[in-house]
Amino acid sequence: MTLSVQKLAINSVSPKKSGHRVKHNFIIISITDISAET
């Protein structure tokens, strides 16, 4: 789970990704974090 989050985080920070893709990745990270805490 942690590796997946880190991977998405790297993709979100990557300047090569489009703005839409970055927002999409951040949403996934938020959902993943909530699931991990539960």
Protein backbone atom coordinates (compact mmCIF):
# COMPACT_ATOMS: atom_id res chain seq x y z
CA MET A 1 0.00 0.00 0.00
CA THR A 2 2.77 2.40 0.96
CA LEU A 3 4.72 1.78 -2.24
CA SER A 4 1.63 2.51 -4.34
CA VAL A 5 1.07 5.82 -2.55
CA GLN A 6 4.70 6.82 -3.01
CA LYS A 7 4.51 5.93 -6.70
CA LEU A 8 1.41 8.11 -7.16
CA ALA A 9 3.02 10.91 -5.18
CA ILE A 10 6.04 10.88 -7.49
CA ASN A 11 3.74 10.99 -10.53
CA SER A 12 1.84 13.93 -9.04
CA VAL A 13 5.03 15.92 -8.49
CA SER A 14 6.41 15.08 -11.93
CA PRO A 15 6.28 18.21 -14.15
CA LYS A 16 5.76 15.96 -17.18
CA LYS A 17 2.25 15.09 -16.03
CA SER A 18 -0.66 17.26 -17.10
CA GLY A 19 -2.55 19.33 -14.51
CA HIS A 20 -5.60 17.10 -14.83
CA ARG A 21 -3.53 13.96 -14.22
CA VAL A 22 -1.91 15.51 -11.15
CA LYS A 23 -5.28 16.34 -9.58
CA HIS A 24 -6.49 12.82 -10.36
CA ASN A 25 -3.44 11.31 -8.64
CA PHE A 26 -3.88 13.50 -5.56
CA ILE A 27 -7.48 12.32 -5.27
CA ILE A 28 -6.30 8.69 -5.42
CA ILE A 29 -3.70 9.38 -2.72
CA SER A 30 -6.34 10.95 -0.47
CA ILE A 31 -8.65 7.96 -0.88
CA THR A 32 -5.77 5.53 -0.29
CA ASP A 33 -4.69 7.37 2.87
CA ILE A 34 -8.23 7.30 4.25
CA SER A 35 -8.52 3.58 3.50
CA ALA A 36 -5.17 2.89 5.17
CA GLU A 37 -6.20 4.74 8.34
CA THR A 38 -9.47 2.86 8.64
